[in-house]
Amino acid sequence: MRKFSLILVAATLLVSGSIFANDSDTKDPQKSLATQIGEILKENQLVVDNYELTAEVLFTVNSEAEIVVISVDTGDSDLESFVKGKLNYKKVQLEEVVVGRMYRLPVRIKA
């Protein structure tokens, strides 16, 4: 009986630990934003020939929970226009919006 209760306690700890580990992206606003931005940029018409395009996006979130792109640091003007057009003033889902906080996010689009 003692072994059974020990196994039950261990299984409960493992299950509860995995539940809390899977819920971490909803608590971290930067992870949540990165996931949402990835979904927004997923559908694109950019032509990438055997390489990848990269950029670093500097943005903030306004009081209406909309992304406001400050700058896109890349050497490709098409990618810059694409990212600004897709992200600027798109609503995101955040539990707590910190107005004025700057976020820096790397973006990579592969062929």
PDB file of N, CA and C in Angstrom:
ATOM      1  N   MET A   1       0.824  -1.197   0.000  1.00  0.00           N
ATOM      2  CA  MET A   1       0.000   0.000   0.000  1.00  0.00           C
ATOM      3  C   MET A   1       0.867   1.260   0.000  1.00  0.00           C
ATOM      4  N   ARG A   2       1.987   1.193   0.687  1.00  0.00           N
ATOM      5  CA  ARG A   2       2.878   2.345   0.764  1.00  0.00           C
ATOM      6  C   ARG A   2       3.467   2.672  -0.617  1.00  0.00           C
ATOM      7  N   LYS A   3       3.822   1.646  -1.387  1.00  0.00           N
ATOM      8  CA  LYS A   3       4.366   1.861  -2.728  1.00  0.00           C
ATOM      9  C   LYS A   3       3.322   2.493  -3.654  1.00  0.00           C
ATOM     10  N   PHE A   4       2.089   2.042  -3.509  1.00  0.00           N
ATOM     11  CA  PHE A   4       1.025   2.586  -4.350  1.00  0.00           C
ATOM     12  C   PHE A   4       0.827   4.081  -4.086  1.00  0.00           C
ATOM     13  N   SER A   5       0.801   4.502  -2.837  1.00  0.00           N
ATOM     14  CA  SER A   5       0.608   5.920  -2.522  1.00  0.00           C
ATOM     15  C   SER A   5       1.802   6.748  -2.976  1.00  0.00           C
ATOM     16  N   LEU A   6       3.018   6.182  -2.893  1.00  0.00           N
ATOM     17  CA  LEU A   6       4.208   6.881  -3.365  1.00  0.00           C
ATOM     18  C   LEU A   6       4.153   7.078  -4.888  1.00  0.00           C
ATOM     19  N   ILE A   7       3.720   6.050  -5.597  1.00  0.00           N
ATOM     20  CA  ILE A   7       3.589   6.147  -7.059  1.00  0.00           C
ATOM     21  C   ILE A   7       2.502   7.146  -7.431  1.00  0.00           C
ATOM     22  N   LEU A   8       1.419   7.159  -6.696  1.00  0.00           N
ATOM     23  CA  LEU A   8       0.334   8.106  -6.953  1.00  0.00           C
ATOM     24  C   LEU A   8       0.786   9.548  -6.754  1.00  0.00           C
ATOM     25  N   VAL A   9       1.539   9.812  -5.714  1.00  0.00           N
ATOM     26  CA  VAL A   9       2.059  11.162  -5.449  1.00  0.00           C
ATOM     27  C   VAL A   9       3.032  11.575  -6.551  1.00  0.00           C
ATOM     28  N   ALA A  10       3.909  10.667  -6.967  1.00  0.00           N
ATOM     29  CA  ALA A  10       4.875  10.973  -8.024  1.00  0.00           C
ATOM     30  C   ALA A  10       4.163  11.268  -9.340  1.00  0.00           C
ATOM     31  N   ALA A  11       3.137  10.475  -9.668  1.00  0.00           N
ATOM     32  CA  ALA A  11       2.392  10.706 -10.908  1.00  0.00           C
ATOM     33  C   ALA A  11       1.657  12.041 -10.863  1.00  0.00           C
ATOM     34  N   THR A  12       1.111  12.378  -9.717  1.00  0.00           N
ATOM     35  CA  THR A  12       0.415  13.663  -9.571  1.00  0.00           C
ATOM     36  C   THR A  12       1.368  14.830  -9.766  1.00  0.00           C
ATOM     37  N   LEU A  13       2.562  14.731  -9.201  1.00  0.00           N
ATOM     38  CA  LEU A  13       3.560  15.798  -9.375  1.00  0.00           C
ATOM     39  C   LEU A  13       3.985  15.932 -10.834  1.00  0.00           C
ATOM     40  N   LEU A  14       4.177  14.823 -11.506  1.00  0.00           N
ATOM     41  CA  LEU A  14       4.566  14.877 -12.921  1.00  0.00           C
ATOM     42  C   LEU A  14       3.477  15.499 -13.781  1.00  0.00           C
ATOM     43  N   VAL A  15       2.244  15.106 -13.560  1.00  0.00           N
ATOM     44  CA  VAL A  15       1.132  15.640 -14.351  1.00  0.00           C
ATOM     45  C   VAL A  15       0.950  17.125 -14.087  1.00  0.00           C
ATOM     46  N   SER A  16       0.969  17.531 -12.822  1.00  0.00           N
ATOM     47  CA  SER A  16       0.783  18.957 -12.523  1.00  0.00           C
ATOM     48  C   SER A  16       1.946  19.792 -13.038  1.00  0.00           C
ATOM     49  N   GLY A  17       3.156  19.248 -12.998  1.00  0.00           N
ATOM     50  CA  GLY A  17       4.308  19.964 -13.535  1.00  0.00           C
ATOM     51  C   GLY A  17       4.218  20.175 -15.033  1.00  0.00           C
ATOM     52  N   SER A  18       3.759  19.160 -15.736  1.00  0.00           N
ATOM     53  CA  SER A  18       3.636  19.304 -17.194  1.00  0.00           C
ATOM     54  C   SER A  18       2.505  20.259 -17.574  1.00  0.00           C
ATOM     55  N   ILE A  19       1.460  20.313 -16.782  1.00  0.00           N
ATOM     56  CA  ILE A  19       0.366  21.251 -17.053  1.00  0.00           C
ATOM     57  C   ILE A  19       0.855  22.681 -16.905  1.00  0.00           C
ATOM     58  N   PHE A  20       1.594  22.961 -15.846  1.00  0.00           N
ATOM     59  CA  PHE A  20       2.105  24.319 -15.637  1.00  0.00           C
ATOM     60  C   PHE A  20       3.168  24.676 -16.664  1.00  0.00           C
ATOM     61  N   ALA A  21       3.947  23.714 -17.110  1.00  0.00           N
ATOM     62  CA  ALA A  21       4.979  23.984 -18.118  1.00  0.00           C
ATOM     63  C   ALA A  21       4.347  24.342 -19.454  1.00  0.00           C
ATOM     64  N   ASN A  22       3.240  23.716 -19.815  1.00  0.00           N
ATOM     65  CA  ASN A  22       2.578  23.995 -21.081  1.00  0.00           C
ATOM     66  C   ASN A  22       1.845  25.322 -21.077  1.00  0.00           C
ATOM     67  N   ASP A  23       1.559  25.877 -19.931  1.00  0.00           N
ATOM     68  CA  ASP A  23       0.818  27.130 -19.826  1.00  0.00           C
ATOM     69  C   ASP A  23       1.737  28.346 -19.788  1.00  0.00           C
ATOM     70  N   SER A  24       3.047  28.162 -19.992  1.00  0.00           N
ATOM     71  CA  SER A  24       3.996  29.249 -19.791  1.00  0.00           C
ATOM     72  C   SER A  24       3.913  30.341 -20.857  1.00  0.00           C
ATOM     73  N   ASP A  25       3.522  30.023 -22.121  1.00  0.00           N
ATOM     74  CA  ASP A  25       3.500  31.057 -23.152  1.00  0.00           C
ATOM     75  C   ASP A  25       2.356  32.048 -22.966  1.00  0.00           C
ATOM     76  N   THR A  26       1.329  31.689 -22.206  1.00  0.00           N
ATOM     77  CA  THR A  26       0.264  32.651 -21.955  1.00  0.00           C
ATOM     78  C   THR A  26       0.658  33.643 -20.878  1.00  0.00           C
ATOM     79  N   LYS A  27       1.631  33.296 -20.045  1.00  0.00           N
ATOM     80  CA  LYS A  27       2.071  34.192 -18.979  1.00  0.00           C
ATOM     81  C   LYS A  27       3.147  35.158 -19.461  1.00  0.00           C
ATOM     82  N   ASP A  28       3.974  34.749 -20.400  1.00  0.00           N
ATOM     83  CA  ASP A  28       5.068  35.572 -20.903  1.00  0.00           C
ATOM     84  C   ASP A  28       4.581  36.344 -22.126  1.00  0.00           C
ATOM     85  N   PRO A  29       4.430  37.669 -22.000  1.00  0.00           N
ATOM     86  CA  PRO A  29       3.879  38.423 -23.132  1.00  0.00           C
ATOM     87  C   PRO A  29       4.774  38.389 -24.365  1.00  0.00           C
ATOM     88  N   GLN A  30       6.087  38.314 -24.189  1.00  0.00           N
ATOM     89  CA  GLN A  30       6.970  38.296 -25.349  1.00  0.00           C
ATOM     90  C   GLN A  30       6.820  36.993 -26.135  1.00  0.00           C
ATOM     91  N   LYS A  31       6.689  35.867 -25.460  1.00  0.00           N
ATOM     92  CA  LYS A  31       6.466  34.597 -26.146  1.00  0.00           C
ATOM     93  C   LYS A  31       5.119  34.600 -26.850  1.00  0.00           C
ATOM     94  N   SER A  32       4.117  35.129 -26.177  1.00  0.00           N
ATOM     95  CA  SER A  32       2.782  35.188 -26.756  1.00  0.00           C
ATOM     96  C   SER A  32       2.778  36.073 -28.002  1.00  0.00           C
ATOM     97  N   LEU A  33       3.454  37.212 -27.920  1.00  0.00           N
ATOM     98  CA  LEU A  33       3.550  38.104 -29.087  1.00  0.00           C
ATOM     99  C   LEU A  33       4.289  37.433 -30.233  1.00  0.00           C
ATOM    100  N   ALA A  34       5.382  36.750 -29.931  1.00  0.00           N
ATOM    101  CA  ALA A  34       6.154  36.080 -30.979  1.00  0.00           C
ATOM    102  C   ALA A  34       5.308  35.028 -31.685  1.00  0.00           C
ATOM    103  N   THR A  35       4.524  34.280 -30.926  1.00  0.00           N
ATOM    104  CA  THR A  35       3.651  33.265 -31.509  1.00  0.00           C
ATOM    105  C   THR A  35       2.591  33.905 -32.398  1.00  0.00           C
ATOM    106  N   GLN A  36       1.967  34.978 -31.917  1.00  0.00           N
ATOM    107  CA  GLN A  36       0.920  35.647 -32.686  1.00  0.00           C
ATOM    108  C   GLN A  36       1.489  36.291 -33.952  1.00  0.00           C
ATOM    109  N   ILE A  37       2.657  36.896 -33.841  1.00  0.00           N
ATOM    110  CA  ILE A  37       3.291  37.519 -35.014  1.00  0.00           C
ATOM    111  C   ILE A  37       3.681  36.450 -36.030  1.00  0.00           C
ATOM    112  N   GLY A  38       4.152  35.319 -35.562  1.00  0.00           N
ATOM    113  CA  GLY A  38       4.462  34.205 -36.465  1.00  0.00           C
ATOM    114  C   GLY A  38       3.253  33.773 -37.265  1.00  0.00           C
ATOM    115  N   GLU A  39       2.101  33.722 -36.615  1.00  0.00           N
ATOM    116  CA  GLU A  39       0.864  33.361 -37.312  1.00  0.00           C
ATOM    117  C   GLU A  39       0.458  34.420 -38.335  1.00  0.00           C
ATOM    118  N   ILE A  40       0.644  35.689 -37.988  1.00  0.00           N
ATOM    119  CA  ILE A  40       0.286  36.776 -38.911  1.00  0.00           C
ATOM    120  C   ILE A  40       1.177  36.742 -40.146  1.00  0.00           C
ATOM    121  N   LEU A  41       2.474  36.492 -39.956  1.00  0.00           N
ATOM    122  CA  LEU A  41       3.424  36.522 -41.071  1.00  0.00           C
ATOM    123  C   LEU A  41       3.519  35.199 -41.822  1.00  0.00           C
ATOM    124  N   LYS A  42       2.822  34.178 -41.346  1.00  0.00           N
ATOM    125  CA  LYS A  42       2.914  32.853 -41.952  1.00  0.00           C
ATOM    126  C   LYS A  42       2.499  32.866 -43.419  1.00  0.00           C
ATOM    127  N   GLU A  43       1.387  33.491 -43.725  1.00  0.00           N
ATOM    128  CA  GLU A  43       0.898  33.564 -45.104  1.00  0.00           C
ATOM    129  C   GLU A  43       1.554  34.757 -45.793  1.00  0.00           C
ATOM    130  N   ASN A  44       2.437  34.464 -46.766  1.00  0.00           N
ATOM    131  CA  ASN A  44       3.104  35.559 -47.467  1.00  0.00           C
ATOM    132  C   ASN A  44       3.311  35.212 -48.929  1.00  0.00           C
ATOM    133  N   GLN A  45       3.504  36.227 -49.719  1.00  0.00           N
ATOM    134  CA  GLN A  45       3.712  36.080 -51.151  1.00  0.00           C
ATOM    135  C   GLN A  45       5.144  36.449 -51.554  1.00  0.00           C
ATOM    136  N   LEU A  46       6.039  36.496 -50.578  1.00  0.00           N
ATOM    137  CA  LEU A  46       7.423  36.859 -50.872  1.00  0.00           C
ATOM    138  C   LEU A  46       8.116  35.742 -51.642  1.00  0.00           C
ATOM    139  N   VAL A  47       8.930  36.135 -52.610  1.00  0.00           N
ATOM    140  CA  VAL A  47       9.694  35.166 -53.394  1.00  0.00           C
ATOM    141  C   VAL A  47      11.096  35.112 -52.792  1.00  0.00           C
ATOM    142  N   VAL A  48      11.456  33.945 -52.284  1.00  0.00           N
ATOM    143  CA  VAL A  48      12.761  33.731 -51.665  1.00  0.00           C
ATOM    144  C   VAL A  48      13.469  32.652 -52.470  1.00  0.00           C
ATOM    145  N   ASP A  49      14.576  33.009 -53.116  1.00  0.00           N
ATOM    146  CA  ASP A  49      15.295  32.070 -53.977  1.00  0.00           C
ATOM    147  C   ASP A  49      16.445  31.406 -53.227  1.00  0.00           C
ATOM    148  N   ASN A  50      16.222  30.166 -52.782  1.00  0.00           N
ATOM    149  CA  ASN A  50      17.252  29.321 -52.169  1.00  0.00           C
ATOM    150  C   ASN A  50      17.994  29.959 -51.004  1.00  0.00           C
ATOM    151  N   TYR A  51      17.375  30.820 -50.290  1.00  0.00           N
ATOM    152  CA  TYR A  51      17.986  31.377 -49.082  1.00  0.00           C
ATOM    153  C   TYR A  51      16.878  31.880 -48.181  1.00  0.00           C
ATOM    154  N   GLU A  52      17.246  32.518 -47.129  1.00  0.00           N
ATOM    155  CA  GLU A  52      16.248  33.031 -46.212  1.00  0.00           C
ATOM    156  C   GLU A  52      16.414  34.534 -46.042  1.00  0.00           C
ATOM    157  N   LEU A  53      15.320  35.188 -45.766  1.00  0.00           N
ATOM    158  CA  LEU A  53      15.322  36.613 -45.482  1.00  0.00           C
ATOM    159  C   LEU A  53      15.202  36.800 -43.980  1.00  0.00           C
ATOM    160  N   THR A  54      15.996  37.715 -43.445  1.00  0.00           N
ATOM    161  CA  THR A  54      15.937  37.967 -42.008  1.00  0.00           C
ATOM    162  C   THR A  54      15.764  39.461 -41.757  1.00  0.00           C
ATOM    163  N   ALA A  55      15.149  39.750 -40.638  1.00  0.00           N
ATOM    164  CA  ALA A  55      14.950  41.140 -40.226  1.00  0.00           C
ATOM    165  C   ALA A  55      14.819  41.166 -38.716  1.00  0.00           C
ATOM    166  N   GLU A  56      15.065  42.314 -38.162  1.00  0.00           N
ATOM    167  CA  GLU A  56      14.815  42.522 -36.745  1.00  0.00           C
ATOM    168  C   GLU A  56      13.795  43.640 -36.630  1.00  0.00           C
ATOM    169  N   VAL A  57      12.675  43.316 -36.011  1.00  0.00           N
ATOM    170  CA  VAL A  57      11.551  44.241 -35.930  1.00  0.00           C
ATOM    171  C   VAL A  57      11.513  44.862 -34.537  1.00  0.00           C
ATOM    172  N   LEU A  58      11.464  46.180 -34.497  1.00  0.00           N
ATOM    173  CA  LEU A  58      11.300  46.915 -33.245  1.00  0.00           C
ATOM    174  C   LEU A  58       9.881  47.454 -33.246  1.00  0.00           C
ATOM    175  N   PHE A  59       9.112  47.093 -32.213  1.00  0.00           N
ATOM    176  CA  PHE A  59       7.720  47.520 -32.172  1.00  0.00           C
ATOM    177  C   PHE A  59       7.274  47.741 -30.740  1.00  0.00           C
ATOM    178  N   THR A  60       6.110  48.345 -30.606  1.00  0.00           N
ATOM    179  CA  THR A  60       5.475  48.541 -29.316  1.00  0.00           C
ATOM    180  C   THR A  60       4.012  48.145 -29.454  1.00  0.00           C
ATOM    181  N   VAL A  61       3.318  48.082 -28.343  1.00  0.00           N
ATOM    182  CA  VAL A  61       1.890  47.767 -28.355  1.00  0.00           C
ATOM    183  C   VAL A  61       1.167  48.956 -27.733  1.00  0.00           C
ATOM    184  N   ASN A  62       0.164  49.488 -28.449  1.00  0.00           N
ATOM    185  CA  ASN A  62      -0.554  50.668 -27.946  1.00  0.00           C
ATOM    186  C   ASN A  62      -1.677  50.260 -26.991  1.00  0.00           C
ATOM    187  N   SER A  63      -2.424  51.238 -26.523  1.00  0.00           N
ATOM    188  CA  SER A  63      -3.458  50.988 -25.510  1.00  0.00           C
ATOM    189  C   SER A  63      -4.628  50.159 -26.034  1.00  0.00           C
ATOM    190  N   GLU A  64      -4.801  50.085 -27.357  1.00  0.00           N
ATOM    191  CA  GLU A  64      -5.854  49.242 -27.938  1.00  0.00           C
ATOM    192  C   GLU A  64      -5.349  47.846 -28.277  1.00  0.00           C
ATOM    193  N   ALA A  65      -4.181  47.459 -27.760  1.00  0.00           N
ATOM    194  CA  ALA A  65      -3.554  46.154 -28.006  1.00  0.00           C
ATOM    195  C   ALA A  65      -3.240  45.951 -29.483  1.00  0.00           C
ATOM    196  N   GLU A  66      -2.778  47.007 -30.141  1.00  0.00           N
ATOM    197  CA  GLU A  66      -2.373  46.938 -31.545  1.00  0.00           C
ATOM    198  C   GLU A  66      -0.860  47.073 -31.634  1.00  0.00           C
ATOM    199  N   ILE A  67      -0.258  46.320 -32.550  1.00  0.00           N
ATOM    200  CA  ILE A  67       1.178  46.411 -32.783  1.00  0.00           C
ATOM    201  C   ILE A  67       1.466  47.684 -33.561  1.00  0.00           C
ATOM    202  N   VAL A  68       2.444  48.461 -33.120  1.00  0.00           N
ATOM    203  CA  VAL A  68       2.896  49.643 -33.841  1.00  0.00           C
ATOM    204  C   VAL A  68       4.369  49.423 -34.168  1.00  0.00           C
ATOM    205  N   VAL A  69       4.667  49.220 -35.458  1.00  0.00           N
ATOM    206  CA  VAL A  69       6.031  48.941 -35.895  1.00  0.00           C
ATOM    207  C   VAL A  69       6.831  50.234 -35.875  1.00  0.00           C
ATOM    208  N   ILE A  70       7.950  50.217 -35.166  1.00  0.00           N
ATOM    209  CA  ILE A  70       8.850  51.370 -35.100  1.00  0.00           C
ATOM    210  C   ILE A  70       9.870  51.292 -36.228  1.00  0.00           C
ATOM    211  N   SER A  71      10.523  50.140 -36.369  1.00  0.00           N
ATOM    212  CA  SER A  71      11.500  49.977 -37.446  1.00  0.00           C
ATOM    213  C   SER A  71      11.656  48.509 -37.805  1.00  0.00           C
ATOM    214  N   VAL A  72      12.111  48.280 -39.023  1.00  0.00           N
ATOM    215  CA  VAL A  72      12.428  46.932 -39.501  1.00  0.00           C
ATOM    216  C   VAL A  72      13.847  46.993 -40.043  1.00  0.00           C
ATOM    217  N   ASP A  73      14.766  46.334 -39.357  1.00  0.00           N
ATOM    218  CA  ASP A  73      16.175  46.362 -39.730  1.00  0.00           C
ATOM    219  C   ASP A  73      16.484  45.173 -40.638  1.00  0.00           C
ATOM    220  N   THR A  74      16.550  45.445 -41.945  1.00  0.00           N
ATOM    221  CA  THR A  74      16.849  44.415 -42.936  1.00  0.00           C
ATOM    222  C   THR A  74      17.451  45.076 -44.170  1.00  0.00           C
ATOM    223  N   GLY A  75      18.109  44.279 -44.971  1.00  0.00           N
ATOM    224  CA  GLY A  75      18.675  44.778 -46.217  1.00  0.00           C
ATOM    225  C   GLY A  75      17.732  44.633 -47.390  1.00  0.00           C
ATOM    226  N   ASP A  76      16.603  43.992 -47.195  1.00  0.00           N
ATOM    227  CA  ASP A  76      15.650  43.732 -48.270  1.00  0.00           C
ATOM    228  C   ASP A  76      14.441  44.656 -48.132  1.00  0.00           C
ATOM    229  N   SER A  77      14.253  45.554 -49.077  1.00  0.00           N
ATOM    230  CA  SER A  77      13.162  46.525 -48.993  1.00  0.00           C
ATOM    231  C   SER A  77      11.787  45.866 -49.131  1.00  0.00           C
ATOM    232  N   ASP A  78      11.701  44.759 -49.901  1.00  0.00           N
ATOM    233  CA  ASP A  78      10.425  44.042 -50.025  1.00  0.00           C
ATOM    234  C   ASP A  78      10.009  43.430 -48.685  1.00  0.00           C
ATOM    235  N   LEU A  79      10.973  42.862 -47.974  1.00  0.00           N
ATOM    236  CA  LEU A  79      10.688  42.288 -46.671  1.00  0.00           C
ATOM    237  C   LEU A  79      10.272  43.372 -45.683  1.00  0.00           C
ATOM    238  N   GLU A  80      10.931  44.500 -45.730  1.00  0.00           N
ATOM    239  CA  GLU A  80      10.589  45.617 -44.845  1.00  0.00           C
ATOM    240  C   GLU A  80       9.145  46.073 -45.086  1.00  0.00           C
ATOM    241  N   SER A  81       8.780  46.257 -46.342  1.00  0.00           N
ATOM    242  CA  SER A  81       7.416  46.668 -46.678  1.00  0.00           C
ATOM    243  C   SER A  81       6.395  45.619 -46.268  1.00  0.00           C
ATOM    244  N   PHE A  82       6.726  44.363 -46.496  1.00  0.00           N
ATOM    245  CA  PHE A  82       5.832  43.271 -46.144  1.00  0.00           C
ATOM    246  C   PHE A  82       5.563  43.227 -44.642  1.00  0.00           C
ATOM    247  N   VAL A  83       6.632  43.287 -43.849  1.00  0.00           N
ATOM    248  CA  VAL A  83       6.488  43.207 -42.391  1.00  0.00           C
ATOM    249  C   VAL A  83       5.705  44.401 -41.859  1.00  0.00           C
ATOM    250  N   LYS A  84       6.028  45.597 -42.332  1.00  0.00           N
ATOM    251  CA  LYS A  84       5.301  46.789 -41.879  1.00  0.00           C
ATOM    252  C   LYS A  84       3.826  46.711 -42.258  1.00  0.00           C
ATOM    253  N   GLY A  85       3.553  46.284 -43.483  1.00  0.00           N
ATOM    254  CA  GLY A  85       2.171  46.196 -43.944  1.00  0.00           C
ATOM    255  C   GLY A  85       1.351  45.150 -43.207  1.00  0.00           C
ATOM    256  N   LYS A  86       1.974  44.028 -42.891  1.00  0.00           N
ATOM    257  CA  LYS A  86       1.251  42.947 -42.218  1.00  0.00           C
ATOM    258  C   LYS A  86       1.054  43.203 -40.726  1.00  0.00           C
ATOM    259  N   LEU A  87       2.046  43.825 -40.074  1.00  0.00           N
ATOM    260  CA  LEU A  87       2.002  43.946 -38.615  1.00  0.00           C
ATOM    261  C   LEU A  87       1.419  45.252 -38.096  1.00  0.00           C
ATOM    262  N   ASN A  88       1.626  46.345 -38.823  1.00  0.00           N
ATOM    263  CA  ASN A  88       1.228  47.648 -38.291  1.00  0.00           C
ATOM    264  C   ASN A  88      -0.266  47.706 -37.998  1.00  0.00           C
ATOM    265  N   TYR A  89      -0.598  48.009 -36.762  1.00  0.00           N
ATOM    266  CA  TYR A  89      -1.963  48.178 -36.255  1.00  0.00           C
ATOM    267  C   TYR A  89      -2.799  46.901 -36.298  1.00  0.00           C
ATOM    268  N   LYS A  90      -2.136  45.755 -36.218  1.00  0.00           N
ATOM    269  CA  LYS A  90      -2.852  44.483 -36.058  1.00  0.00           C
ATOM    270  C   LYS A  90      -3.100  44.271 -34.575  1.00  0.00           C
ATOM    271  N   LYS A  91      -4.309  43.858 -34.239  1.00  0.00           N
ATOM    272  CA  LYS A  91      -4.654  43.596 -32.841  1.00  0.00           C
ATOM    273  C   LYS A  91      -4.046  42.273 -32.396  1.00  0.00           C
ATOM    274  N   VAL A  92      -3.571  42.262 -31.152  1.00  0.00           N
ATOM    275  CA  VAL A  92      -3.042  41.054 -30.544  1.00  0.00           C
ATOM    276  C   VAL A  92      -3.766  40.794 -29.234  1.00  0.00           C
ATOM    277  N   GLN A  93      -3.719  39.571 -28.792  1.00  0.00           N
ATOM    278  CA  GLN A  93      -4.362  39.181 -27.537  1.00  0.00           C
ATOM    279  C   GLN A  93      -3.314  39.144 -26.436  1.00  0.00           C
ATOM    280  N   LEU A  94      -3.408  40.065 -25.507  1.00  0.00           N
ATOM    281  CA  LEU A  94      -2.514  40.103 -24.358  1.00  0.00           C
ATOM    282  C   LEU A  94      -3.336  40.311 -23.102  1.00  0.00           C
ATOM    283  N   GLU A  95      -2.963  39.617 -22.041  1.00  0.00           N
ATOM    284  CA  GLU A  95      -3.673  39.796 -20.778  1.00  0.00           C
ATOM    285  C   GLU A  95      -3.394  41.178 -20.195  1.00  0.00           C
ATOM    286  N   GLU A  96      -2.131  41.544 -20.159  1.00  0.00           N
ATOM    287  CA  GLU A  96      -1.745  42.844 -19.623  1.00  0.00           C
ATOM    288  C   GLU A  96      -0.932  43.585 -20.680  1.00  0.00           C
ATOM    289  N   VAL A  97      -1.433  44.710 -21.135  1.00  0.00           N
ATOM    290  CA  VAL A  97      -0.723  45.507 -22.127  1.00  0.00           C
ATOM    291  C   VAL A  97       0.092  46.563 -21.397  1.00  0.00           C
ATOM    292  N   VAL A  98       1.398  46.559 -21.642  1.00  0.00           N
ATOM    293  CA  VAL A  98       2.265  47.584 -21.094  1.00  0.00           C
ATOM    294  C   VAL A  98       2.493  48.592 -22.220  1.00  0.00           C
ATOM    295  N   VAL A  99       1.756  49.688 -22.164  1.00  0.00           N
ATOM    296  CA  VAL A  99       1.813  50.692 -23.233  1.00  0.00           C
ATOM    297  C   VAL A  99       3.193  51.333 -23.239  1.00  0.00           C
ATOM    298  N   GLY A 100       3.788  51.401 -24.432  1.00  0.00           N
ATOM    299  CA  GLY A 100       5.082  52.048 -24.586  1.00  0.00           C
ATOM    300  C   GLY A 100       6.274  51.129 -24.437  1.00  0.00           C
ATOM    301  N   ARG A 101       6.066  49.910 -23.995  1.00  0.00           N
ATOM    302  CA  ARG A 101       7.192  48.977 -23.874  1.00  0.00           C
ATOM    303  C   ARG A 101       7.651  48.574 -25.269  1.00  0.00           C
ATOM    304  N   MET A 102       8.950  48.657 -25.496  1.00  0.00           N
ATOM    305  CA  MET A 102       9.519  48.301 -26.801  1.00  0.00           C
ATOM    306  C   MET A 102       9.869  46.814 -26.812  1.00  0.00           C
ATOM    307  N   TYR A 103       9.542  46.168 -27.911  1.00  0.00           N
ATOM    308  CA  TYR A 103       9.873  44.764 -28.116  1.00  0.00           C
ATOM    309  C   TYR A 103      10.751  44.667 -29.352  1.00  0.00           C
ATOM    310  N   ARG A 104      11.729  43.781 -29.302  1.00  0.00           N
ATOM    311  CA  ARG A 104      12.606  43.521 -30.438  1.00  0.00           C
ATOM    312  C   ARG A 104      12.443  42.040 -30.773  1.00  0.00           C
ATOM    313  N   LEU A 105      12.091  41.766 -32.042  1.00  0.00           N
ATOM    314  CA  LEU A 105      11.811  40.394 -32.442  1.00  0.00           C
ATOM    315  C   LEU A 105      12.492  40.073 -33.759  1.00  0.00           C
ATOM    316  N   PRO A 106      13.308  39.004 -33.796  1.00  0.00           N
ATOM    317  CA  PRO A 106      13.898  38.582 -35.081  1.00  0.00           C
ATOM    318  C   PRO A 106      12.849  37.859 -35.929  1.00  0.00           C
ATOM    319  N   VAL A 107      12.874  38.138 -37.221  1.00  0.00           N
ATOM    320  CA  VAL A 107      11.956  37.504 -38.167  1.00  0.00           C
ATOM    321  C   VAL A 107      12.784  36.825 -39.244  1.00  0.00           C
ATOM    322  N   ARG A 108      12.417  35.578 -39.571  1.00  0.00           N
ATOM    323  CA  ARG A 108      13.121  34.841 -40.609  1.00  0.00           C
ATOM    324  C   ARG A 108      12.096  34.195 -41.528  1.00  0.00           C
ATOM    325  N   ILE A 109      12.241  34.436 -42.829  1.00  0.00           N
ATOM    326  CA  ILE A 109      11.362  33.829 -43.822  1.00  0.00           C
ATOM    327  C   ILE A 109      12.245  32.978 -44.725  1.00  0.00           C
ATOM    328  N   LYS A 110      11.915  31.683 -44.770  1.00  0.00           N
ATOM    329  CA  LYS A 110      12.728  30.743 -45.531  1.00  0.00           C
ATOM    330  C   LYS A 110      12.017  30.321 -46.806  1.00  0.00           C
ATOM    331  N   ALA A 111      12.815  29.908 -47.785  1.00  0.00           N
ATOM    332  CA  ALA A 111      12.267  29.433 -49.069  1.00  0.00           C
ATOM    333  C   ALA A 111      11.559  28.126 -48.900  1.00  0.00           C
TER     334      ALA A 111
END
